[in-house]
mmCIF file of all heavy atoms, coordinates in Angstrom:
data_MODEL
# 
_entry.id   MODEL 
# 
loop_
_atom_site.group_PDB 
_atom_site.id 
_atom_site.type_symbol 
_atom_site.label_atom_id 
_atom_site.label_alt_id 
_atom_site.label_comp_id 
_atom_site.label_asym_id 
_atom_site.label_entity_id 
_atom_site.label_seq_id 
_atom_site.pdbx_PDB_ins_code 
_atom_site.Cartn_x 
_atom_site.Cartn_y 
_atom_site.Cartn_z 
_atom_site.occupancy 
_atom_site.B_iso_or_equiv 
_atom_site.pdbx_formal_charge 
_atom_site.auth_seq_id 
_atom_site.auth_comp_id 
_atom_site.auth_asym_id 
_atom_site.auth_atom_id 
_atom_site.pdbx_PDB_model_num 
ATOM 1   N N   . LEU A 1 1  ? 123.132 205.779 -79.309 1.00 0.00 ? 1  LEU A N   1 
ATOM 2   C CA  . LEU A 1 1  ? 122.237 206.904 -79.183 1.00 0.00 ? 1  LEU A CA  1 
ATOM 3   C C   . LEU A 1 1  ? 120.966 206.617 -78.357 1.00 0.00 ? 1  LEU A C   1 
ATOM 4   O O   . LEU A 1 1  ? 120.310 207.531 -77.893 1.00 0.00 ? 1  LEU A O   1 
ATOM 5   C CB  . LEU A 1 1  ? 121.829 207.412 -80.573 1.00 0.00 ? 1  LEU A CB  1 
ATOM 6   C CG  . LEU A 1 1  ? 122.980 207.756 -81.498 1.00 0.00 ? 1  LEU A CG  1 
ATOM 7   C CD1 . LEU A 1 1  ? 122.460 208.330 -82.824 1.00 0.00 ? 1  LEU A CD1 1 
ATOM 8   C CD2 . LEU A 1 1  ? 123.962 208.724 -80.844 1.00 0.00 ? 1  LEU A CD2 1 
ATOM 9   N N   . MET A 1 2  ? 120.665 205.316 -78.181 1.00 0.00 ? 2  MET A N   1 
ATOM 10  C CA  . MET A 1 2  ? 119.416 204.981 -77.487 1.00 0.00 ? 2  MET A CA  1 
ATOM 11  C C   . MET A 1 2  ? 119.509 203.559 -76.934 1.00 0.00 ? 2  MET A C   1 
ATOM 12  O O   . MET A 1 2  ? 120.187 202.696 -77.532 1.00 0.00 ? 2  MET A O   1 
ATOM 13  C CB  . MET A 1 2  ? 118.234 205.080 -78.434 1.00 0.00 ? 2  MET A CB  1 
ATOM 14  C CG  . MET A 1 2  ? 116.863 204.830 -77.805 1.00 0.00 ? 2  MET A CG  1 
ATOM 15  S SD  . MET A 1 2  ? 115.539 205.011 -79.041 1.00 0.00 ? 2  MET A SD  1 
ATOM 16  C CE  . MET A 1 2  ? 115.812 203.580 -80.064 1.00 0.00 ? 2  MET A CE  1 
ATOM 17  N N   . GLY A 1 3  ? 118.841 203.301 -75.829 1.00 0.00 ? 3  GLY A N   1 
ATOM 18  C CA  . GLY A 1 3  ? 118.780 201.950 -75.278 1.00 0.00 ? 3  GLY A CA  1 
ATOM 19  C C   . GLY A 1 3  ? 119.679 201.779 -74.058 1.00 0.00 ? 3  GLY A C   1 
ATOM 20  O O   . GLY A 1 3  ? 120.455 202.662 -73.708 1.00 0.00 ? 3  GLY A O   1 
ATOM 21  N N   . HIS A 1 4  ? 119.557 200.618 -73.438 1.00 0.00 ? 4  HIS A N   1 
ATOM 22  C CA  . HIS A 1 4  ? 120.349 200.330 -72.227 1.00 0.00 ? 4  HIS A CA  1 
ATOM 23  C C   . HIS A 1 4  ? 121.849 200.351 -72.508 1.00 0.00 ? 4  HIS A C   1 
ATOM 24  O O   . HIS A 1 4  ? 122.650 200.660 -71.653 1.00 0.00 ? 4  HIS A O   1 
ATOM 25  C CB  . HIS A 1 4  ? 119.942 198.976 -71.626 1.00 0.00 ? 4  HIS A CB  1 
ATOM 26  C CG  . HIS A 1 4  ? 118.699 199.036 -70.783 1.00 0.00 ? 4  HIS A CG  1 
ATOM 27  N ND1 . HIS A 1 4  ? 117.464 199.243 -71.349 1.00 0.00 ? 4  HIS A ND1 1 
ATOM 28  C CD2 . HIS A 1 4  ? 118.513 198.943 -69.451 1.00 0.00 ? 4  HIS A CD2 1 
ATOM 29  C CE1 . HIS A 1 4  ? 116.550 199.273 -70.373 1.00 0.00 ? 4  HIS A CE1 1 
ATOM 30  N NE2 . HIS A 1 4  ? 117.153 199.128 -69.217 1.00 0.00 ? 4  HIS A NE2 1 
ATOM 31  N N   . LYS A 1 5  ? 122.212 199.992 -73.747 1.00 0.00 ? 5  LYS A N   1 
ATOM 32  C CA  . LYS A 1 5  ? 123.627 199.935 -74.081 1.00 0.00 ? 5  LYS A CA  1 
ATOM 33  C C   . LYS A 1 5  ? 124.271 201.329 -74.038 1.00 0.00 ? 5  LYS A C   1 
ATOM 34  O O   . LYS A 1 5  ? 125.497 201.438 -73.931 1.00 0.00 ? 5  LYS A O   1 
ATOM 35  C CB  . LYS A 1 5  ? 123.834 199.289 -75.451 1.00 0.00 ? 5  LYS A CB  1 
ATOM 36  C CG  . LYS A 1 5  ? 125.301 199.008 -75.787 1.00 0.00 ? 5  LYS A CG  1 
ATOM 37  C CD  . LYS A 1 5  ? 125.423 198.186 -77.056 1.00 0.00 ? 5  LYS A CD  1 
ATOM 38  C CE  . LYS A 1 5  ? 126.894 197.946 -77.386 1.00 0.00 ? 5  LYS A CE  1 
ATOM 39  N NZ  . LYS A 1 5  ? 127.031 197.089 -78.572 1.00 0.00 ? 5  LYS A NZ  1 
ATOM 40  N N   . ARG A 1 6  ? 123.445 202.367 -74.062 1.00 0.00 ? 6  ARG A N   1 
ATOM 41  C CA  . ARG A 1 6  ? 123.995 203.715 -74.015 1.00 0.00 ? 6  ARG A CA  1 
ATOM 42  C C   . ARG A 1 6  ? 124.691 203.998 -72.714 1.00 0.00 ? 6  ARG A C   1 
ATOM 43  O O   . ARG A 1 6  ? 125.568 204.849 -72.639 1.00 0.00 ? 6  ARG A O   1 
ATOM 44  C CB  . ARG A 1 6  ? 122.829 204.716 -74.249 1.00 0.00 ? 6  ARG A CB  1 
ATOM 45  C CG  . ARG A 1 6  ? 123.275 206.159 -74.241 1.00 0.00 ? 6  ARG A CG  1 
ATOM 46  C CD  . ARG A 1 6  ? 122.251 207.107 -74.810 1.00 0.00 ? 6  ARG A CD  1 
ATOM 47  N NE  . ARG A 1 6  ? 122.607 208.515 -74.543 1.00 0.00 ? 6  ARG A NE  1 
ATOM 48  C CZ  . ARG A 1 6  ? 123.526 209.182 -75.194 1.00 0.00 ? 6  ARG A CZ  1 
ATOM 49  N NH1 . ARG A 1 6  ? 124.190 208.622 -76.201 1.00 0.00 ? 6  ARG A NH1 1 
ATOM 50  N NH2 . ARG A 1 6  ? 123.795 210.435 -74.894 1.00 0.00 ? 6  ARG A NH2 1 
ATOM 51  N N   . VAL A 1 7  ? 124.322 203.260 -71.669 1.00 0.00 ? 7  VAL A N   1 
ATOM 52  C CA  . VAL A 1 7  ? 124.895 203.555 -70.326 1.00 0.00 ? 7  VAL A CA  1 
ATOM 53  C C   . VAL A 1 7  ? 126.290 202.931 -70.212 1.00 0.00 ? 7  VAL A C   1 
ATOM 54  O O   . VAL A 1 7  ? 126.430 201.738 -69.935 1.00 0.00 ? 7  VAL A O   1 
ATOM 55  C CB  . VAL A 1 7  ? 123.951 203.027 -69.212 1.00 0.00 ? 7  VAL A CB  1 
ATOM 56  C CG1 . VAL A 1 7  ? 124.495 203.397 -67.853 1.00 0.00 ? 7  VAL A CG1 1 
ATOM 57  C CG2 . VAL A 1 7  ? 122.541 203.586 -69.401 1.00 0.00 ? 7  VAL A CG2 1 
ATOM 58  N N   . TRP A 1 8  ? 127.280 203.744 -70.460 1.00 0.00 ? 8  TRP A N   1 
ATOM 59  C CA  . TRP A 1 8  ? 128.669 203.269 -70.536 1.00 0.00 ? 8  TRP A CA  1 
ATOM 60  C C   . TRP A 1 8  ? 129.148 202.592 -69.235 1.00 0.00 ? 8  TRP A C   1 
ATOM 61  O O   . TRP A 1 8  ? 129.729 201.489 -69.286 1.00 0.00 ? 8  TRP A O   1 
ATOM 62  C CB  . TRP A 1 8  ? 129.590 204.429 -70.892 1.00 0.00 ? 8  TRP A CB  1 
ATOM 63  C CG  . TRP A 1 8  ? 131.010 204.046 -71.170 1.00 0.00 ? 8  TRP A CG  1 
ATOM 64  C CD1 . TRP A 1 8  ? 131.575 203.765 -72.380 1.00 0.00 ? 8  TRP A CD1 1 
ATOM 65  C CD2 . TRP A 1 8  ? 132.056 203.909 -70.210 1.00 0.00 ? 8  TRP A CD2 1 
ATOM 66  N NE1 . TRP A 1 8  ? 132.889 203.428 -72.245 1.00 0.00 ? 8  TRP A NE1 1 
ATOM 67  C CE2 . TRP A 1 8  ? 133.202 203.536 -70.930 1.00 0.00 ? 8  TRP A CE2 1 
ATOM 68  C CE3 . TRP A 1 8  ? 132.139 204.084 -68.826 1.00 0.00 ? 8  TRP A CE3 1 
ATOM 69  C CZ2 . TRP A 1 8  ? 134.454 203.305 -70.276 1.00 0.00 ? 8  TRP A CZ2 1 
ATOM 70  C CZ3 . TRP A 1 8  ? 133.354 203.839 -68.199 1.00 0.00 ? 8  TRP A CZ3 1 
ATOM 71  C CH2 . TRP A 1 8  ? 134.489 203.471 -68.907 1.00 0.00 ? 8  TRP A CH2 1 
ATOM 72  N N   . PRO A 1 9  ? 128.958 203.151 -68.042 1.00 0.00 ? 9  PRO A N   1 
ATOM 73  C CA  . PRO A 1 9  ? 129.520 202.519 -66.831 1.00 0.00 ? 9  PRO A CA  1 
ATOM 74  C C   . PRO A 1 9  ? 128.850 201.206 -66.492 1.00 0.00 ? 9  PRO A C   1 
ATOM 75  O O   . PRO A 1 9  ? 129.493 200.304 -65.918 1.00 0.00 ? 9  PRO A O   1 
ATOM 76  C CB  . PRO A 1 9  ? 129.298 203.562 -65.758 1.00 0.00 ? 9  PRO A CB  1 
ATOM 77  C CG  . PRO A 1 9  ? 128.201 204.453 -66.253 1.00 0.00 ? 9  PRO A CG  1 
ATOM 78  C CD  . PRO A 1 9  ? 128.359 204.476 -67.735 1.00 0.00 ? 9  PRO A CD  1 
ATOM 79  N N   . TYR A 1 10 ? 127.547 201.052 -66.805 1.00 0.00 ? 10 TYR A N   1 
ATOM 80  C CA  . TYR A 1 10 ? 126.880 199.765 -66.503 1.00 0.00 ? 10 TYR A CA  1 
ATOM 81  C C   . TYR A 1 10 ? 127.494 198.674 -67.368 1.00 0.00 ? 10 TYR A C   1 
ATOM 82  O O   . TYR A 1 10 ? 127.703 197.542 -66.903 1.00 0.00 ? 10 TYR A O   1 
ATOM 83  C CB  . TYR A 1 10 ? 125.379 199.897 -66.789 1.00 0.00 ? 10 TYR A CB  1 
ATOM 84  C CG  . TYR A 1 10 ? 124.608 198.655 -66.440 1.00 0.00 ? 10 TYR A CG  1 
ATOM 85  C CD1 . TYR A 1 10 ? 124.383 198.282 -65.122 1.00 0.00 ? 10 TYR A CD1 1 
ATOM 86  C CD2 . TYR A 1 10 ? 124.068 197.843 -67.431 1.00 0.00 ? 10 TYR A CD2 1 
ATOM 87  C CE1 . TYR A 1 10 ? 123.657 197.128 -64.777 1.00 0.00 ? 10 TYR A CE1 1 
ATOM 88  C CE2 . TYR A 1 10 ? 123.339 196.710 -67.126 1.00 0.00 ? 10 TYR A CE2 1 
ATOM 89  C CZ  . TYR A 1 10 ? 123.136 196.372 -65.808 1.00 0.00 ? 10 TYR A CZ  1 
ATOM 90  O OH  . TYR A 1 10 ? 122.405 195.234 -65.494 1.00 0.00 ? 10 TYR A OH  1 
ATOM 91  N N   . ARG A 1 11 ? 127.808 199.028 -68.593 1.00 0.00 ? 11 ARG A N   1 
ATOM 92  C CA  . ARG A 1 11 ? 128.461 198.037 -69.470 1.00 0.00 ? 11 ARG A CA  1 
ATOM 93  C C   . ARG A 1 11 ? 129.880 197.721 -68.995 1.00 0.00 ? 11 ARG A C   1 
ATOM 94  O O   . ARG A 1 11 ? 130.307 196.582 -68.976 1.00 0.00 ? 11 ARG A O   1 
ATOM 95  C CB  . ARG A 1 11 ? 128.486 198.564 -70.915 1.00 0.00 ? 11 ARG A CB  1 
ATOM 96  C CG  . ARG A 1 11 ? 128.798 197.471 -71.934 1.00 0.00 ? 11 ARG A CG  1 
ATOM 97  C CD  . ARG A 1 11 ? 128.551 197.939 -73.359 1.00 0.00 ? 11 ARG A CD  1 
ATOM 98  N NE  . ARG A 1 11 ? 128.623 196.825 -74.292 1.00 0.00 ? 11 ARG A NE  1 
ATOM 99  C CZ  . ARG A 1 11 ? 127.607 196.027 -74.583 1.00 0.00 ? 11 ARG A CZ  1 
ATOM 100 N NH1 . ARG A 1 11 ? 126.426 196.219 -74.043 1.00 0.00 ? 11 ARG A NH1 1 
ATOM 101 N NH2 . ARG A 1 11 ? 127.764 195.011 -75.417 1.00 0.00 ? 11 ARG A NH2 1 
ATOM 102 N N   . PHE A 1 12 ? 130.580 198.752 -68.582 1.00 0.00 ? 12 PHE A N   1 
ATOM 103 C CA  . PHE A 1 12 ? 131.961 198.550 -68.098 1.00 0.00 ? 12 PHE A CA  1 
ATOM 104 C C   . PHE A 1 12 ? 132.036 197.552 -66.947 1.00 0.00 ? 12 PHE A C   1 
ATOM 105 O O   . PHE A 1 12 ? 132.912 196.713 -66.885 1.00 0.00 ? 12 PHE A O   1 
ATOM 106 C CB  . PHE A 1 12 ? 132.574 199.878 -67.673 1.00 0.00 ? 12 PHE A CB  1 
ATOM 107 C CG  . PHE A 1 12 ? 133.998 199.763 -67.213 1.00 0.00 ? 12 PHE A CG  1 
ATOM 108 C CD1 . PHE A 1 12 ? 135.058 199.992 -68.090 1.00 0.00 ? 12 PHE A CD1 1 
ATOM 109 C CD2 . PHE A 1 12 ? 134.308 199.410 -65.894 1.00 0.00 ? 12 PHE A CD2 1 
ATOM 110 C CE1 . PHE A 1 12 ? 136.357 199.857 -67.662 1.00 0.00 ? 12 PHE A CE1 1 
ATOM 111 C CE2 . PHE A 1 12 ? 135.610 199.292 -65.475 1.00 0.00 ? 12 PHE A CE2 1 
ATOM 112 C CZ  . PHE A 1 12 ? 136.649 199.501 -66.375 1.00 0.00 ? 12 PHE A CZ  1 
ATOM 113 N N   . ASP A 1 13 ? 131.097 197.645 -66.035 1.00 0.00 ? 13 ASP A N   1 
ATOM 114 C CA  . ASP A 1 13 ? 131.146 196.793 -64.826 1.00 0.00 ? 13 ASP A CA  1 
ATOM 115 C C   . ASP A 1 13 ? 130.533 195.394 -65.027 1.00 0.00 ? 13 ASP A C   1 
ATOM 116 O O   . ASP A 1 13 ? 130.430 194.617 -64.082 1.00 0.00 ? 13 ASP A O   1 
ATOM 117 C CB  . ASP A 1 13 ? 130.391 197.470 -63.654 1.00 0.00 ? 13 ASP A CB  1 
ATOM 118 C CG  . ASP A 1 13 ? 131.181 198.646 -63.071 1.00 0.00 ? 13 ASP A CG  1 
ATOM 119 O OD1 . ASP A 1 13 ? 132.411 198.622 -63.206 1.00 0.00 ? 13 ASP A OD1 1 
ATOM 120 O OD2 . ASP A 1 13 ? 130.554 199.534 -62.475 1.00 0.00 ? 13 ASP A OD2 1 
ATOM 121 N N   . ALA A 1 14 ? 130.149 195.081 -66.260 1.00 0.00 ? 14 ALA A N   1 
ATOM 122 C CA  . ALA A 1 14 ? 129.443 193.810 -66.490 1.00 0.00 ? 14 ALA A CA  1 
ATOM 123 C C   . ALA A 1 14 ? 130.279 192.606 -66.105 1.00 0.00 ? 14 ALA A C   1 
ATOM 124 O O   . ALA A 1 14 ? 129.770 191.657 -65.480 1.00 0.00 ? 14 ALA A O   1 
ATOM 125 C CB  . ALA A 1 14 ? 129.008 193.719 -67.968 1.00 0.00 ? 14 ALA A CB  1 
ATOM 126 N N   . GLN A 1 15 ? 131.547 192.596 -66.469 1.00 0.00 ? 15 GLN A N   1 
ATOM 127 C CA  . GLN A 1 15 ? 132.385 191.433 -66.157 1.00 0.00 ? 15 GLN A CA  1 
ATOM 128 C C   . GLN A 1 15 ? 132.541 191.243 -64.663 1.00 0.00 ? 15 GLN A C   1 
ATOM 129 O O   . GLN A 1 15 ? 132.526 190.108 -64.146 1.00 0.00 ? 15 GLN A O   1 
ATOM 130 C CB  . GLN A 1 15 ? 133.769 191.541 -66.801 1.00 0.00 ? 15 GLN A CB  1 
ATOM 131 C CG  . GLN A 1 15 ? 133.805 191.332 -68.302 1.00 0.00 ? 15 GLN A CG  1 
ATOM 132 C CD  . GLN A 1 15 ? 133.646 192.618 -69.092 1.00 0.00 ? 15 GLN A CD  1 
ATOM 133 O OE1 . GLN A 1 15 ? 133.174 193.632 -68.570 1.00 0.00 ? 15 GLN A OE1 1 
ATOM 134 N NE2 . GLN A 1 15 ? 134.068 192.599 -70.346 1.00 0.00 ? 15 GLN A NE2 1 
ATOM 135 N N   . GLU A 1 16 ? 132.658 192.331 -63.930 1.00 0.00 ? 16 GLU A N   1 
ATOM 136 C CA  . GLU A 1 16 ? 132.776 192.215 -62.478 1.00 0.00 ? 16 GLU A CA  1 
ATOM 137 C C   . GLU A 1 16 ? 131.481 191.698 -61.872 1.00 0.00 ? 16 GLU A C   1 
ATOM 138 O O   . GLU A 1 16 ? 131.514 190.847 -60.961 1.00 0.00 ? 16 GLU A O   1 
ATOM 139 C CB  . GLU A 1 16 ? 133.179 193.538 -61.846 1.00 0.00 ? 16 GLU A CB  1 
ATOM 140 C CG  . GLU A 1 16 ? 133.439 193.424 -60.362 1.00 0.00 ? 16 GLU A CG  1 
ATOM 141 C CD  . GLU A 1 16 ? 134.229 194.546 -59.777 1.00 0.00 ? 16 GLU A CD  1 
ATOM 142 O OE1 . GLU A 1 16 ? 134.571 195.528 -60.513 1.00 0.00 ? 16 GLU A OE1 1 
ATOM 143 O OE2 . GLU A 1 16 ? 134.531 194.490 -58.546 1.00 0.00 ? 16 GLU A OE2 1 
ATOM 144 N N   . ARG A 1 17 ? 130.335 192.163 -62.373 1.00 0.00 ? 17 ARG A N   1 
ATOM 145 C CA  . ARG A 1 17 ? 129.071 191.652 -61.873 1.00 0.00 ? 17 ARG A CA  1 
ATOM 146 C C   . ARG A 1 17 ? 128.924 190.161 -62.196 1.00 0.00 ? 17 ARG A C   1 
ATOM 147 O O   . ARG A 1 17 ? 128.416 189.380 -61.392 1.00 0.00 ? 17 ARG A O   1 
ATOM 148 C CB  . ARG A 1 17 ? 127.891 192.407 -62.481 1.00 0.00 ? 17 ARG A CB  1 
ATOM 149 C CG  . ARG A 1 17 ? 127.789 193.853 -62.043 1.00 0.00 ? 17 ARG A CG  1 
ATOM 150 C CD  . ARG A 1 17 ? 126.404 194.465 -62.366 1.00 0.00 ? 17 ARG A CD  1 
ATOM 151 N NE  . ARG A 1 17 ? 126.090 194.335 -63.793 1.00 0.00 ? 17 ARG A NE  1 
ATOM 152 C CZ  . ARG A 1 17 ? 126.450 195.202 -64.716 1.00 0.00 ? 17 ARG A CZ  1 
ATOM 153 N NH1 . ARG A 1 17 ? 127.184 196.268 -64.408 1.00 0.00 ? 17 ARG A NH1 1 
ATOM 154 N NH2 . ARG A 1 17 ? 126.087 195.034 -65.965 1.00 0.00 ? 17 ARG A NH2 1 
ATOM 155 N N   . ALA A 1 18 ? 129.436 189.746 -63.349 1.00 0.00 ? 18 ALA A N   1 
ATOM 156 C CA  . ALA A 1 18 ? 129.373 188.322 -63.711 1.00 0.00 ? 18 ALA A CA  1 
ATOM 157 C C   . ALA A 1 18 ? 130.193 187.468 -62.755 1.00 0.00 ? 18 ALA A C   1 
ATOM 158 O O   . ALA A 1 18 ? 129.766 186.396 -62.327 1.00 0.00 ? 18 ALA A O   1 
ATOM 159 C CB  . ALA A 1 18 ? 129.880 188.133 -65.147 1.00 0.00 ? 18 ALA A CB  1 
ATOM 160 N N   . LEU A 1 19 ? 131.359 187.939 -62.368 1.00 0.00 ? 19 LEU A N   1 
ATOM 161 C CA  . LEU A 1 19 ? 132.184 187.218 -61.423 1.00 0.00 ? 19 LEU A CA  1 
ATOM 162 C C   . LEU A 1 19 ? 131.528 187.198 -60.042 1.00 0.00 ? 19 LEU A C   1 
ATOM 163 O O   . LEU A 1 19 ? 131.563 186.191 -59.322 1.00 0.00 ? 19 LEU A O   1 
ATOM 164 C CB  . LEU A 1 19 ? 133.597 187.832 -61.338 1.00 0.00 ? 19 LEU A CB  1 
ATOM 165 C CG  . LEU A 1 19 ? 134.471 187.693 -62.591 1.00 0.00 ? 19 LEU A CG  1 
ATOM 166 C CD1 . LEU A 1 19 ? 135.771 188.427 -62.429 1.00 0.00 ? 19 LEU A CD1 1 
ATOM 167 C CD2 . LEU A 1 19 ? 134.705 186.214 -62.941 1.00 0.00 ? 19 LEU A CD2 1 
ATOM 168 N N   . MET A 1 20 ? 130.921 188.315 -59.673 1.00 0.00 ? 20 MET A N   1 
ATOM 169 C CA  . MET A 1 20 ? 130.199 188.347 -58.393 1.00 0.00 ? 20 MET A CA  1 
ATOM 170 C C   . MET A 1 20 ? 129.011 187.393 -58.413 1.00 0.00 ? 20 MET A C   1 
ATOM 171 O O   . MET A 1 20 ? 128.621 186.876 -57.345 1.00 0.00 ? 20 MET A O   1 
ATOM 172 C CB  . MET A 1 20 ? 129.711 189.796 -58.154 1.00 0.00 ? 20 MET A CB  1 
ATOM 173 C CG  . MET A 1 20 ? 130.844 190.786 -57.879 1.00 0.00 ? 20 MET A CG  1 
ATOM 174 S SD  . MET A 1 20 ? 130.286 192.521 -57.911 1.00 0.00 ? 20 MET A SD  1 
ATOM 175 C CE  . MET A 1 20 ? 129.253 192.537 -56.419 1.00 0.00 ? 20 MET A CE  1 
ATOM 176 N N   . GLY A 1 21 ? 128.483 187.111 -59.589 1.00 0.00 ? 21 GLY A N   1 
ATOM 177 C CA  . GLY A 1 21 ? 127.383 186.176 -59.740 1.00 0.00 ? 21 GLY A CA  1 
ATOM 178 C C   . GLY A 1 21 ? 127.827 184.733 -59.851 1.00 0.00 ? 21 GLY A C   1 
ATOM 179 O O   . GLY A 1 21 ? 126.975 183.849 -59.987 1.00 0.00 ? 21 GLY A O   1 
ATOM 180 N N   . GLY A 1 22 ? 129.138 184.464 -59.817 1.00 0.00 ? 22 GLY A N   1 
ATOM 181 C CA  . GLY A 1 22 ? 129.611 183.113 -59.793 1.00 0.00 ? 22 GLY A CA  1 
ATOM 182 C C   . GLY A 1 22 ? 130.195 182.580 -61.090 1.00 0.00 ? 22 GLY A C   1 
ATOM 183 O O   . GLY A 1 22 ? 130.615 181.411 -61.161 1.00 0.00 ? 22 GLY A O   1 
ATOM 184 N N   . MET A 1 23 ? 130.212 183.407 -62.136 1.00 0.00 ? 23 MET A N   1 
ATOM 185 C CA  . MET A 1 23 ? 130.795 182.937 -63.403 1.00 0.00 ? 23 MET A CA  1 
ATOM 186 C C   . MET A 1 23 ? 132.252 182.590 -63.242 1.00 0.00 ? 23 MET A C   1 
ATOM 187 O O   . MET A 1 23 ? 132.998 183.278 -62.513 1.00 0.00 ? 23 MET A O   1 
ATOM 188 C CB  . MET A 1 23 ? 130.617 184.003 -64.501 1.00 0.00 ? 23 MET A CB  1 
ATOM 189 C CG  . MET A 1 23 ? 129.184 184.244 -64.906 1.00 0.00 ? 23 MET A CG  1 
ATOM 190 S SD  . MET A 1 23 ? 128.475 182.850 -65.816 1.00 0.00 ? 23 MET A SD  1 
ATOM 191 C CE  . MET A 1 23 ? 126.787 183.463 -66.087 1.00 0.00 ? 23 MET A CE  1 
ATOM 192 N N   . ARG A 1 24 ? 132.699 181.549 -63.934 1.00 0.00 ? 24 ARG A N   1 
ATOM 193 C CA  . ARG A 1 24 ? 134.080 181.110 -63.808 1.00 0.00 ? 24 ARG A CA  1 
ATOM 194 C C   . ARG A 1 24 ? 135.010 181.998 -64.598 1.00 0.00 ? 24 ARG A C   1 
ATOM 195 O O   . ARG A 1 24 ? 136.190 182.210 -64.202 1.00 0.00 ? 24 ARG A O   1 
ATOM 196 C CB  . ARG A 1 24 ? 134.194 179.678 -64.318 1.00 0.00 ? 24 ARG A CB  1 
ATOM 197 C CG  . ARG A 1 24 ? 135.567 179.044 -64.058 1.00 0.00 ? 24 ARG A CG  1 
ATOM 198 C CD  . ARG A 1 24 ? 135.547 177.574 -64.359 1.00 0.00 ? 24 ARG A CD  1 
ATOM 199 N NE  . ARG A 1 24 ? 135.546 177.337 -65.799 1.00 0.00 ? 24 ARG A NE  1 
ATOM 200 C CZ  . ARG A 1 24 ? 134.799 176.441 -66.407 1.00 0.00 ? 24 ARG A CZ  1 
ATOM 201 N NH1 . ARG A 1 24 ? 133.976 175.698 -65.721 1.00 0.00 ? 24 ARG A NH1 1 
ATOM 202 N NH2 . ARG A 1 24 ? 134.878 176.284 -67.707 1.00 0.00 ? 24 ARG A NH2 1 
ATOM 203 N N   . GLY A 1 25 ? 134.556 182.510 -65.714 1.00 0.00 ? 25 GLY A N   1 
ATOM 204 C CA  . GLY A 1 25 ? 135.435 183.323 -66.584 1.00 0.00 ? 25 GLY A CA  1 
ATOM 205 C C   . GLY A 1 25 ? 134.723 184.474 -67.222 1.00 0.00 ? 25 GLY A C   1 
ATOM 206 O O   . GLY A 1 25 ? 133.499 184.509 -67.317 1.00 0.00 ? 25 GLY A O   1 
ATOM 207 N N   . VAL A 1 26 ? 135.500 185.468 -67.641 1.00 0.00 ? 26 VAL A N   1 
ATOM 208 C CA  . VAL A 1 26 ? 134.967 186.643 -68.328 1.00 0.00 ? 26 VAL A CA  1 
ATOM 209 C C   . VAL A 1 26 ? 135.944 187.056 -69.437 1.00 0.00 ? 26 VAL A C   1 
ATOM 210 O O   . VAL A 1 26 ? 137.145 186.849 -69.338 1.00 0.00 ? 26 VAL A O   1 
ATOM 211 C CB  . VAL A 1 26 ? 134.783 187.836 -67.358 1.00 0.00 ? 26 VAL A CB  1 
ATOM 212 C CG1 . VAL A 1 26 ? 133.567 187.617 -66.468 1.00 0.00 ? 26 VAL A CG1 1 
ATOM 213 C CG2 . VAL A 1 26 ? 136.010 188.105 -66.516 1.00 0.00 ? 26 VAL A CG2 1 
ATOM 214 N N   . ALA A 1 27 ? 135.355 187.586 -70.511 1.00 0.00 ? 27 ALA A N   1 
ATOM 215 C CA  . ALA A 1 27 ? 136.154 188.011 -71.660 1.00 0.00 ? 27 ALA A CA  1 
ATOM 216 C C   . ALA A 1 27 ? 135.899 189.478 -71.941 1.00 0.00 ? 27 ALA A C   1 
ATOM 217 O O   . ALA A 1 27 ? 134.791 189.995 -71.726 1.00 0.00 ? 27 ALA A O   1 
ATOM 218 C CB  . ALA A 1 27 ? 135.857 187.171 -72.869 1.00 0.00 ? 27 ALA A CB  1 
ATOM 219 N N   . PHE A 1 28 ? 136.930 190.166 -72.471 1.00 0.00 ? 28 PHE A N   1 
ATOM 220 C CA  . PHE A 1 28 ? 136.913 191.592 -72.694 1.00 0.00 ? 28 PHE A CA  1 
ATOM 221 C C   . PHE A 1 28 ? 137.233 191.903 -74.137 1.00 0.00 ? 28 PHE A C   1 
ATOM 222 O O   . PHE A 1 28 ? 137.986 191.187 -74.795 1.00 0.00 ? 28 PHE A O   1 
ATOM 223 C CB  . PHE A 1 28 ? 137.945 192.286 -71.813 1.00 0.00 ? 28 PHE A CB  1 
ATOM 224 C CG  . PHE A 1 28 ? 137.847 191.997 -70.346 1.00 0.00 ? 28 PHE A CG  1 
ATOM 225 C CD1 . PHE A 1 28 ? 138.287 190.773 -69.829 1.00 0.00 ? 28 PHE A CD1 1 
ATOM 226 C CD2 . PHE A 1 28 ? 137.309 192.909 -69.492 1.00 0.00 ? 28 PHE A CD2 1 
ATOM 227 C CE1 . PHE A 1 28 ? 138.179 190.499 -68.487 1.00 0.00 ? 28 PHE A CE1 1 
ATOM 228 C CE2 . PHE A 1 28 ? 137.213 192.657 -68.116 1.00 0.00 ? 28 PHE A CE2 1 
ATOM 229 C CZ  . PHE A 1 28 ? 137.643 191.431 -67.627 1.00 0.00 ? 28 PHE A CZ  1 
# 
């Protein structure tokens, strides 16, 4: 209901942003 977590698409793209930032792995 409130906060940054409310933004569904930003959360959805988090793993892809992590890989773009150089992370070796991502979990879902």
